C-alpha cells in the first residue's frame, strides 16, 4: 500500500512537523526544523498538539514513531523568547511553560504504543519528550542529556519524574546535577534507551520494528501499554488488573486468529475485535 493511500484526507496542516504513514498501522511524526536542531518552537508545539489529537482519533493507527529530521532529534525548548522578555514575572512564565509541558507530554495520552527514534542529540525537553514515549531506540553516536542547571534553570517537562523512572534515582541525580551528556551506548547501559542501532539504516530499522508492533493484537497491546504506564502498587494489584484485562482479550476474535496462525505457522492478521 502506498504512503499516499495511507494518508488521511483530514490530516491537520502542520508547521515544522510532518505526519507520515510509512506502512499500514504505523504513523510517524517527524520534527522538521533541522536548521534549529528541531527546537520546540511555538509553531511546532501547536502542530504537535494537532497531530497527536488527530492520531488519537484515527482507529487505523496501531503504533506511533517520533523522530527528528536532519542530524538532531531535538535540542529541546526554544528559549530565545526569554531574551526578548527579560522582565517577565514568575506567574507569566508559569502560565507559558505549563501549557508547553502539557502539549508535548500529550503523547502519553495515546492508547497505542509509541516509539522515540532518537536519531541525534536529544537535549533537555527534547529528551523528556522521548522519555514520555513507551519505547526509545537510539542511533549509535546520538547524545542525550538534561543540562538544565548548566543553563541556570530548573528541569521541566516532568523530567524529574520521567528520568528517574527510566534510569533509577541514582543515575538521574548524576545526570541532572552534573548536566553531562551521555552517548547512545551509555544510555543503553543506564536503561534510558532499550536498543542502539546503526545510523546508516536507523530510520528503516526502527520502522521495521514499528511494523512488527503494528502487527500485534491491538486490544492486547493497548491493555498492556496501560498496565505498564500505570504501574502497580503491589503484586496483588497487578494480579487484580490482569484478572480483568486478560479475560477481555481472551474473549476477542483476535485470540482465535492468533491461535490459528500459530497452528498454521503463518503471520496473524489481527483486526482489533
Protein backbone atom coordinates (compact mmCIF):
# COMPACT_ATOMS: atom_id res chain seq x y z
CA UNK A 1 0.00 0.00 0.00
CA UNK A 2 1.40 3.40 -0.94
CA UNK A 3 2.10 6.15 1.57
CA UNK A 4 -0.36 8.44 -0.22
CA UNK A 5 -3.08 5.84 0.16
CA UNK A 6 -2.41 5.70 3.87
CA UNK A 7 -2.56 9.47 4.41
CA UNK A 8 -5.86 10.65 5.84
CA UNK A 9 -7.60 13.40 3.89
CA UNK A 10 -8.48 15.21 7.10
CA UNK A 11 -4.91 15.35 8.43
CA UNK A 12 -4.15 18.73 10.05
CA UNK A 13 -1.97 21.41 8.48
CA UNK A 14 1.38 21.25 10.27
CA UNK A 15 4.31 23.65 10.63
CA UNK A 16 7.83 22.37 11.41
CA UNK A 17 6.32 18.89 11.83
CA UNK A 18 5.48 16.13 9.34
CA UNK A 19 2.96 13.35 9.77
CA UNK A 20 3.79 10.34 7.61
CA UNK A 21 2.21 6.91 7.23
CA UNK A 22 5.11 4.71 6.09
CA UNK A 23 3.23 1.41 6.39
CA UNK A 24 -0.13 0.04 7.45
CA UNK A 25 -0.88 0.83 11.08
CA UNK A 26 2.29 2.92 11.50
CA UNK A 27 2.24 6.71 11.89
CA UNK A 28 5.45 8.74 12.10
CA UNK A 29 5.82 12.25 13.49
CA UNK A 30 8.95 13.95 12.18
CA UNK A 31 10.18 17.08 13.96
CA UNK A 32 11.10 19.20 10.97
CA UNK A 33 13.20 22.26 11.72
CA UNK A 34 16.69 20.86 11.20
CA UNK A 35 18.38 24.27 10.92
CA UNK A 36 17.49 24.83 14.61
CA UNK A 37 18.17 21.19 15.57
CA UNK A 38 14.40 20.68 15.83
CA UNK A 39 13.97 23.06 18.74
CA UNK A 40 10.41 23.13 20.03
CA UNK A 41 9.08 26.39 18.60
CA UNK A 42 5.59 27.73 19.26
CA UNK A 43 4.56 26.70 15.74
CA UNK A 44 5.93 23.19 16.16
CA UNK A 45 4.23 22.89 19.55
CA UNK A 46 0.82 23.84 18.13
CA UNK A 47 1.33 21.41 15.26
CA UNK A 48 2.32 18.66 17.70
CA UNK A 49 -0.92 19.08 19.67
CA UNK A 50 -2.97 18.98 16.47
CA UNK A 51 -1.15 15.91 15.15
CA UNK A 52 -1.41 13.94 18.40
CA UNK A 53 -5.11 14.74 18.65
CA UNK A 54 -5.58 13.63 15.04
CA UNK A 55 -3.80 10.32 15.68
CA UNK A 56 -5.77 9.74 18.88
CA UNK A 57 -8.97 9.73 16.80
CA UNK A 58 -7.63 7.58 13.95
CA UNK A 59 -8.61 3.93 14.56
CA UNK A 60 -6.23 2.72 11.86
CA UNK A 61 -3.18 3.77 13.89
CA UNK A 62 -1.55 0.95 15.85
CA UNK A 63 1.85 2.48 16.66
CA UNK A 64 3.37 5.98 16.53
CA UNK A 65 7.05 6.71 15.87
CA UNK A 66 8.62 10.08 16.73
CA UNK A 67 11.92 11.16 15.18
CA UNK A 68 13.82 14.23 14.02
CA UNK A 69 14.74 15.48 10.57
CA UNK A 70 18.41 16.05 9.90
CA UNK A 71 21.16 15.35 12.40
CA UNK A 72 19.24 16.02 15.64
CA UNK A 73 16.27 14.53 17.42
CA UNK A 74 15.50 17.72 19.35
CA UNK A 75 17.59 20.34 21.12
CA UNK A 76 14.65 21.00 23.44
CA UNK A 77 12.64 24.10 24.14
CA UNK A 78 13.41 27.20 22.13
CA UNK A 79 14.15 29.71 24.89
CA UNK A 80 15.15 32.55 22.58
CA UNK A 81 11.93 34.34 23.50
CA UNK A 82 13.26 34.82 27.05
CA UNK A 83 15.85 37.29 25.80
CA UNK A 84 13.07 39.45 24.36
CA UNK A 85 11.05 39.31 27.60
CA UNK A 86 13.65 39.90 30.34
CA UNK A 87 11.10 41.45 32.70
CA UNK A 88 8.60 38.58 32.59
CA UNK A 89 7.42 37.62 36.08
CA UNK A 90 7.07 34.19 37.65
CA UNK A 91 3.30 34.00 37.14
CA UNK A 92 3.61 34.97 33.49
CA UNK A 93 6.39 32.46 32.89
CA UNK A 94 4.48 29.70 34.67
CA UNK A 95 1.37 30.37 32.59
CA UNK A 96 3.51 29.94 29.49
CA UNK A 97 5.58 26.94 30.48
CA UNK A 98 2.89 24.68 31.95
CA UNK A 99 0.83 24.52 28.72
CA UNK A 100 4.08 23.94 26.81
CA UNK A 101 4.94 20.96 29.01
CA UNK A 102 1.45 19.51 28.76
CA UNK A 103 1.37 19.98 24.99
CA UNK A 104 4.46 17.85 24.42
CA UNK A 105 3.57 15.28 27.07
CA UNK A 106 0.22 14.72 25.30
CA UNK A 107 1.99 11.86 23.50
CA UNK A 108 1.36 9.88 26.71
CA UNK A 109 -2.38 10.11 26.12
CA UNK A 110 -2.23 7.95 23.01
CA UNK A 111 -3.56 4.47 23.68
CA UNK A 112 -1.29 2.85 21.10
CA UNK A 113 2.41 2.10 21.68
CA UNK A 114 4.80 4.97 20.95
CA UNK A 115 8.45 4.76 19.90
CA UNK A 116 11.01 7.56 20.14
CA UNK A 117 13.61 7.11 17.39
CA UNK A 118 16.49 9.21 18.73
CA UNK A 119 18.45 9.85 15.56
CA UNK A 120 20.75 12.51 17.05
CA UNK A 121 21.09 14.85 20.03
CA UNK A 122 18.10 14.73 22.41
CA UNK A 123 18.64 17.50 24.92
CA UNK A 124 16.59 18.86 27.82
CA UNK A 125 12.92 18.98 26.92
CA UNK A 126 13.71 17.03 23.75
CA UNK A 127 14.91 14.10 25.86
CA UNK A 128 11.95 14.47 28.23
CA UNK A 129 9.56 14.11 25.28
CA UNK A 130 11.41 10.95 24.22
CA UNK A 131 11.17 9.66 27.79
CA UNK A 132 7.40 10.17 27.58
CA UNK A 133 7.26 7.55 24.81
CA UNK A 134 6.84 3.86 25.60
CA UNK A 135 10.00 2.69 23.82
CA UNK A 136 13.23 4.51 22.96
CA UNK A 137 15.77 3.47 20.33
CA UNK A 138 18.93 5.47 19.63
CA UNK A 139 21.25 5.73 16.68
CA UNK A 140 24.84 4.95 17.59
CA UNK A 141 26.59 8.25 18.26
CA UNK A 142 23.46 10.09 19.41
CA UNK A 143 23.98 12.11 22.60
CA UNK A 144 21.40 12.70 25.31
CA UNK A 145 21.19 14.71 28.48
CA UNK A 146 19.36 17.13 30.76
CA UNK A 147 21.77 20.08 31.16
CA UNK A 148 19.15 22.38 32.68
CA UNK A 149 21.29 23.54 35.61
CA UNK A 150 24.13 24.44 33.23
CA UNK A 151 21.72 26.95 31.70
CA UNK A 152 20.70 28.23 35.11
CA UNK A 153 17.21 26.76 35.13
CA UNK A 154 15.35 24.01 36.97
CA UNK A 155 14.39 20.92 34.94
CA UNK A 156 10.96 20.96 33.32
CA UNK A 157 8.52 18.85 31.29
CA UNK A 158 8.21 16.26 34.08
CA UNK A 159 11.88 15.38 33.69
CA UNK A 160 12.29 14.85 37.43
CA UNK A 161 9.62 12.13 37.16
CA UNK A 162 10.38 10.62 33.76
CA UNK A 163 14.16 10.28 34.01
CA UNK A 164 14.27 8.53 37.42
CA UNK A 165 11.51 6.24 36.18
CA UNK A 166 13.74 5.23 33.26
CA UNK A 167 17.22 5.07 34.78
CA UNK A 168 16.63 4.95 38.54
CA UNK A 169 17.14 7.69 41.13
CA UNK A 170 20.93 7.42 41.46
CA UNK A 171 21.66 7.79 37.73
CA UNK A 172 19.05 10.53 37.45
CA UNK A 173 20.76 12.53 40.20
CA UNK A 174 24.08 12.17 38.39
CA UNK A 175 22.64 13.32 35.07
CA UNK A 176 20.61 16.22 36.45
CA UNK A 177 23.17 17.59 38.89
CA UNK A 178 26.21 17.31 36.61
CA UNK A 179 24.30 18.22 33.44
CA UNK A 180 26.57 15.88 31.48
CA UNK A 181 25.59 14.29 28.19
CA UNK A 182 25.81 10.56 27.51
CA UNK A 183 26.22 8.76 24.22
CA UNK A 184 23.86 6.08 22.94
CA UNK A 185 25.88 3.18 24.33
CA UNK A 186 25.99 4.63 27.84
CA UNK A 187 22.29 5.48 27.56
CA UNK A 188 21.66 1.82 26.76
CA UNK A 189 23.56 0.73 29.86
CA UNK A 190 21.57 3.17 32.00
CA UNK A 191 18.24 1.96 30.64
CA UNK A 192 17.49 5.32 29.02
CA UNK A 193 17.10 3.53 25.68
CA UNK A 194 16.44 -0.13 25.00
CA UNK A 195 18.32 -0.57 21.72
CA UNK A 196 21.17 1.10 19.84
CA UNK A 197 21.09 0.81 16.06
CA UNK A 198 23.48 1.81 13.31
CA UNK A 199 22.88 5.33 11.96
CA UNK A 200 23.04 4.46 8.26
CA UNK A 201 19.85 2.40 8.42
CA UNK A 202 18.41 3.77 11.65
CA UNK A 203 15.04 5.05 10.46
CA UNK A 204 14.41 1.97 8.31
CA UNK A 205 15.32 -0.35 11.20
CA UNK A 206 13.04 1.47 13.64
CA UNK A 207 10.17 1.43 11.15
CA UNK A 208 10.67 -2.32 10.70
CA UNK A 209 10.22 -2.76 14.47
CA UNK A 210 7.21 -0.44 14.36
CA UNK A 211 5.65 -2.62 11.67
CA UNK A 212 6.11 -5.62 13.97
CA UNK A 213 4.35 -3.75 16.79
CA UNK A 214 1.56 -2.75 14.40
CA UNK A 215 1.14 -6.43 13.57
CA UNK A 216 0.36 -7.44 17.17
CA UNK A 217 -3.18 -7.70 18.53
CA UNK A 218 -4.23 -4.06 19.08
CA UNK A 219 -6.58 -4.67 22.01
CA UNK A 220 -3.95 -6.67 23.87
CA UNK A 221 -1.29 -4.07 23.05
CA UNK A 222 -3.40 -1.20 24.38
CA UNK A 223 -4.22 -3.01 27.62
CA UNK A 224 -0.56 -3.95 28.07
CA UNK A 225 0.58 -0.37 27.48
CA UNK A 226 -1.94 0.88 30.02
CA UNK A 227 -0.81 -1.61 32.66
CA UNK A 228 2.85 -0.69 32.21
CA UNK A 229 2.12 3.03 32.13
CA UNK A 230 0.06 3.00 35.31
CA UNK A 231 2.33 0.66 37.22
CA UNK A 232 1.14 -1.38 40.19
CA UNK A 233 1.42 -0.68 43.91
CA UNK A 234 1.89 -4.38 44.66
CA UNK A 235 1.85 -7.82 43.10
CA UNK A 236 -1.76 -8.17 44.26
CA UNK A 237 -2.89 -5.07 42.37
CA UNK A 238 -1.08 -6.42 39.30
CA UNK A 239 -2.98 -9.70 39.61
CA UNK A 240 -6.28 -7.86 40.03
CA UNK A 241 -5.66 -5.83 36.86
CA UNK A 242 -4.55 -8.88 34.87
CA UNK A 243 -7.53 -10.91 36.06
CA UNK A 244 -9.72 -8.26 34.43
CA UNK A 245 -7.68 -7.36 31.34
CA UNK A 246 -6.67 -10.85 30.27
CA UNK A 247 -10.23 -12.22 30.12
CA UNK A 248 -11.17 -9.25 27.93
CA UNK A 249 -8.54 -10.31 25.40
CA UNK A 250 -9.50 -13.98 25.77
CA UNK A 251 -12.97 -13.06 24.55
CA UNK A 252 -11.73 -11.45 21.32
CA UNK A 253 -11.71 -12.79 17.78
CA UNK A 254 -8.05 -11.77 17.64
CA UNK A 255 -7.20 -14.50 20.15
CA UNK A 256 -8.71 -17.14 17.89
CA UNK A 257 -6.80 -15.68 14.95
CA UNK A 258 -3.56 -15.73 16.95
CA UNK A 259 -4.03 -19.39 17.90
CA UNK A 260 -4.94 -20.35 14.33
CA UNK A 261 -1.93 -18.51 12.93
CA UNK A 262 0.41 -20.24 15.38
CA UNK A 263 -1.02 -23.64 14.47
CA UNK A 264 -0.78 -22.90 10.74
CA UNK A 265 2.72 -21.40 11.08
CA UNK A 266 1.76 -18.11 9.45
CA UNK A 267 1.65 -14.46 10.44
CA UNK A 268 -1.57 -13.49 12.21
CA UNK A 269 -3.90 -10.86 10.78
CA UNK A 270 -5.44 -9.04 13.72
CA UNK A 271 -8.50 -6.84 13.26
CA UNK A 272 -8.83 -5.39 16.74
CA UNK A 273 -12.05 -7.14 17.67
